[in-house]
Amino acid sequence: MVFLPQVAILGTGIVGKRAVVVSDEMGNDSIAIRSMVYLALSYDHRLVDGADASRFLVDIKSRLENAAFEGNLGI
């Protein structure tokens, strides 16, 4: 739940290792161990559009996957 004066809250779970299927550049699948985390975004719909919130989470996901932490989030 979001309380004033906050507009949004990004919650994170515990980072854990899981087995996932990954594809190489040739399209071959293999099983690998990857660190994974659940992200949850709560926001005030009166101030934040759902499409903007979705793009924000997609950007966060991309930055975590590529270890690109230094960039500007555009907010």
N, C-alpha and C. Protein backbone atom coordinates (compact mmCIF):
# COMPACT_ATOMS: atom_id res chain seq x y z
N MET A 1 0.84 -1.17 0.00
CA MET A 1 0.00 0.00 0.00
C MET A 1 0.89 1.25 0.00
N VAL A 2 0.47 2.25 -0.73
CA VAL A 2 1.23 3.49 -0.86
C VAL A 2 0.55 4.57 -0.02
N PHE A 3 1.31 5.19 0.88
CA PHE A 3 0.78 6.24 1.74
C PHE A 3 1.38 7.58 1.34
N LEU A 4 0.60 8.64 1.49
CA LEU A 4 1.11 9.99 1.21
C LEU A 4 2.31 10.28 2.09
N PRO A 5 3.32 10.96 1.63
CA PRO A 5 3.49 11.65 0.35
C PRO A 5 4.13 10.78 -0.74
N GLN A 6 4.20 9.46 -0.53
CA GLN A 6 4.81 8.59 -1.52
C GLN A 6 3.88 8.41 -2.71
N VAL A 7 4.49 8.18 -3.87
CA VAL A 7 3.74 7.93 -5.10
C VAL A 7 3.87 6.48 -5.52
N ALA A 8 5.02 5.87 -5.23
CA ALA A 8 5.25 4.48 -5.62
C ALA A 8 6.23 3.82 -4.66
N ILE A 9 6.14 2.50 -4.59
CA ILE A 9 7.06 1.71 -3.77
C ILE A 9 7.49 0.51 -4.60
N LEU A 10 8.80 0.30 -4.69
CA LEU A 10 9.34 -0.87 -5.38
C LEU A 10 9.81 -1.86 -4.31
N GLY A 11 9.16 -3.01 -4.28
CA GLY A 11 9.52 -4.05 -3.32
C GLY A 11 10.37 -5.12 -3.99
N THR A 12 11.31 -5.65 -3.25
CA THR A 12 12.16 -6.72 -3.77
C THR A 12 12.12 -7.92 -2.84
N GLY A 13 12.20 -9.09 -3.44
CA GLY A 13 12.30 -10.31 -2.66
C GLY A 13 13.76 -10.66 -2.43
N ILE A 14 13.98 -11.83 -1.92
CA ILE A 14 15.34 -12.32 -1.68
C ILE A 14 15.91 -12.85 -2.99
N VAL A 15 17.16 -12.51 -3.27
CA VAL A 15 17.82 -13.04 -4.46
C VAL A 15 18.18 -14.49 -4.20
N GLY A 16 17.72 -15.35 -5.10
CA GLY A 16 17.99 -16.77 -4.97
C GLY A 16 18.47 -17.36 -6.28
N LYS A 17 19.13 -18.47 -6.21
CA LYS A 17 19.63 -19.14 -7.42
C LYS A 17 18.61 -20.18 -7.86
N ARG A 18 18.36 -20.21 -9.20
CA ARG A 18 17.41 -21.15 -9.77
C ARG A 18 17.95 -21.70 -11.08
N ALA A 19 17.52 -22.90 -11.41
CA ALA A 19 17.87 -23.50 -12.69
C ALA A 19 16.91 -22.95 -13.75
N VAL A 20 17.48 -22.46 -14.86
CA VAL A 20 16.68 -21.93 -15.96
C VAL A 20 17.22 -22.45 -17.28
N VAL A 21 16.37 -22.43 -18.30
CA VAL A 21 16.80 -22.80 -19.65
C VAL A 21 17.30 -21.53 -20.35
N VAL A 22 18.52 -21.60 -20.89
CA VAL A 22 19.09 -20.47 -21.62
C VAL A 22 19.46 -20.94 -23.02
N SER A 23 19.38 -20.00 -23.97
CA SER A 23 19.74 -20.30 -25.36
C SER A 23 21.02 -19.58 -25.72
N ASP A 24 21.89 -20.27 -26.46
CA ASP A 24 23.12 -19.62 -26.93
C ASP A 24 22.85 -18.96 -28.28
N GLU A 25 23.89 -18.38 -28.87
CA GLU A 25 23.73 -17.65 -30.13
C GLU A 25 23.34 -18.56 -31.29
N MET A 26 23.54 -19.85 -31.15
CA MET A 26 23.18 -20.82 -32.20
C MET A 26 21.76 -21.37 -32.01
N GLY A 27 21.11 -20.96 -30.94
CA GLY A 27 19.76 -21.42 -30.67
C GLY A 27 19.69 -22.71 -29.87
N ASN A 28 20.81 -23.19 -29.37
CA ASN A 28 20.85 -24.41 -28.57
C ASN A 28 20.47 -24.09 -27.13
N ASP A 29 19.60 -24.91 -26.57
CA ASP A 29 19.17 -24.72 -25.19
C ASP A 29 20.04 -25.52 -24.23
N SER A 30 20.25 -24.93 -23.06
CA SER A 30 20.96 -25.63 -21.99
C SER A 30 20.40 -25.14 -20.65
N ILE A 31 20.70 -25.88 -19.61
CA ILE A 31 20.26 -25.50 -18.27
C ILE A 31 21.40 -24.81 -17.56
N ALA A 32 21.10 -23.67 -16.94
CA ALA A 32 22.12 -22.90 -16.23
C ALA A 32 21.53 -22.42 -14.90
N ILE A 33 22.41 -22.10 -13.98
CA ILE A 33 22.01 -21.53 -12.70
C ILE A 33 22.08 -20.02 -12.81
N ARG A 34 20.98 -19.34 -12.47
CA ARG A 34 20.92 -17.88 -12.54
C ARG A 34 20.36 -17.33 -11.23
N SER A 35 20.83 -16.15 -10.87
CA SER A 35 20.26 -15.45 -9.71
C SER A 35 18.96 -14.79 -10.16
N MET A 36 17.92 -14.96 -9.34
CA MET A 36 16.62 -14.41 -9.69
C MET A 36 16.02 -13.73 -8.46
N VAL A 37 15.17 -12.74 -8.73
CA VAL A 37 14.51 -12.00 -7.65
C VAL A 37 13.12 -11.59 -8.14
N TYR A 38 12.16 -11.56 -7.22
CA TYR A 38 10.84 -11.05 -7.54
C TYR A 38 10.81 -9.55 -7.25
N LEU A 39 10.22 -8.78 -8.17
CA LEU A 39 10.03 -7.35 -7.99
C LEU A 39 8.53 -7.05 -7.96
N ALA A 40 8.12 -6.15 -7.10
CA ALA A 40 6.71 -5.74 -7.03
C ALA A 40 6.66 -4.23 -6.98
N LEU A 41 5.84 -3.63 -7.81
CA LEU A 41 5.69 -2.18 -7.85
C LEU A 41 4.26 -1.82 -7.50
N SER A 42 4.11 -1.04 -6.44
CA SER A 42 2.81 -0.48 -6.07
C SER A 42 2.89 1.01 -6.32
N TYR A 43 1.83 1.55 -6.92
CA TYR A 43 1.85 2.98 -7.23
C TYR A 43 0.44 3.55 -7.18
N ASP A 44 0.37 4.86 -7.04
CA ASP A 44 -0.89 5.58 -6.99
C ASP A 44 -1.37 5.81 -8.42
N HIS A 45 -2.46 5.15 -8.80
CA HIS A 45 -2.96 5.24 -10.17
C HIS A 45 -3.47 6.65 -10.50
N ARG A 46 -3.70 7.46 -9.51
CA ARG A 46 -4.14 8.83 -9.79
C ARG A 46 -2.99 9.67 -10.32
N LEU A 47 -1.75 9.26 -10.03
CA LEU A 47 -0.59 10.06 -10.42
C LEU A 47 0.31 9.36 -11.45
N VAL A 48 0.28 8.04 -11.49
CA VAL A 48 1.16 7.28 -12.37
C VAL A 48 0.30 6.43 -13.31
N ASP A 49 0.56 6.55 -14.60
CA ASP A 49 -0.13 5.73 -15.59
C ASP A 49 0.44 4.31 -15.57
N GLY A 50 -0.40 3.31 -15.75
CA GLY A 50 0.03 1.93 -15.72
C GLY A 50 1.08 1.61 -16.78
N ALA A 51 0.97 2.24 -17.97
CA ALA A 51 1.95 2.00 -19.03
C ALA A 51 3.32 2.52 -18.62
N ASP A 52 3.37 3.67 -17.96
CA ASP A 52 4.65 4.21 -17.48
C ASP A 52 5.26 3.31 -16.42
N ALA A 53 4.43 2.80 -15.52
CA ALA A 53 4.91 1.90 -14.47
C ALA A 53 5.45 0.61 -15.09
N SER A 54 4.78 0.11 -16.10
CA SER A 54 5.24 -1.10 -16.78
C SER A 54 6.58 -0.87 -17.47
N ARG A 55 6.73 0.26 -18.16
CA ARG A 55 8.01 0.58 -18.81
C ARG A 55 9.13 0.71 -17.78
N PHE A 56 8.82 1.28 -16.63
CA PHE A 56 9.80 1.41 -15.56
C PHE A 56 10.29 0.03 -15.11
N LEU A 57 9.36 -0.90 -14.88
CA LEU A 57 9.76 -2.24 -14.45
C LEU A 57 10.55 -2.97 -15.53
N VAL A 58 10.17 -2.79 -16.79
CA VAL A 58 10.92 -3.42 -17.89
C VAL A 58 12.35 -2.86 -17.92
N ASP A 59 12.51 -1.56 -17.70
CA ASP A 59 13.84 -0.95 -17.67
C ASP A 59 14.66 -1.47 -16.49
N ILE A 60 14.04 -1.59 -15.33
CA ILE A 60 14.73 -2.14 -14.15
C ILE A 60 15.18 -3.57 -14.44
N LYS A 61 14.30 -4.39 -15.01
CA LYS A 61 14.63 -5.78 -15.35
C LYS A 61 15.81 -5.84 -16.30
N SER A 62 15.79 -5.01 -17.33
CA SER A 62 16.88 -4.99 -18.30
C SER A 62 18.20 -4.59 -17.66
N ARG A 63 18.16 -3.59 -16.79
CA ARG A 63 19.39 -3.13 -16.13
C ARG A 63 19.95 -4.20 -15.19
N LEU A 64 19.07 -4.92 -14.50
CA LEU A 64 19.54 -5.99 -13.62
C LEU A 64 20.15 -7.12 -14.42
N GLU A 65 19.52 -7.49 -15.54
CA GLU A 65 20.04 -8.57 -16.36
C GLU A 65 21.38 -8.23 -17.01
N ASN A 66 21.56 -6.96 -17.36
CA ASN A 66 22.78 -6.53 -18.05
C ASN A 66 23.80 -5.86 -17.14
N ALA A 67 23.50 -5.79 -15.84
CA ALA A 67 24.37 -5.15 -14.86
C ALA A 67 24.70 -3.71 -15.25
N ALA A 68 23.71 -2.99 -15.79
CA ALA A 68 23.87 -1.60 -16.20
C ALA A 68 23.21 -0.70 -15.15
N PHE A 69 23.89 -0.51 -14.03
CA PHE A 69 23.30 0.20 -12.91
C PHE A 69 23.55 1.70 -12.92
N GLU A 70 24.47 2.18 -13.75
CA GLU A 70 24.89 3.57 -13.66
C GLU A 70 24.05 4.53 -14.48
N GLY A 71 23.16 4.05 -15.32
CA GLY A 71 22.40 4.91 -16.22
C GLY A 71 21.29 5.67 -15.51
N ASN A 72 20.80 6.71 -16.17
CA ASN A 72 19.70 7.52 -15.67
C ASN A 72 18.39 6.80 -15.97
N LEU A 73 17.48 6.72 -15.00
CA LEU A 73 16.21 6.05 -15.20
C LEU A 73 15.19 6.95 -15.89
N GLY A 74 15.51 8.21 -16.11
CA GLY A 74 14.59 9.10 -16.79
C GLY A 74 13.43 9.54 -15.94
N ILE A 75 13.63 9.58 -14.62
CA ILE A 75 12.54 10.01 -13.75
C ILE A 75 12.90 11.30 -13.07
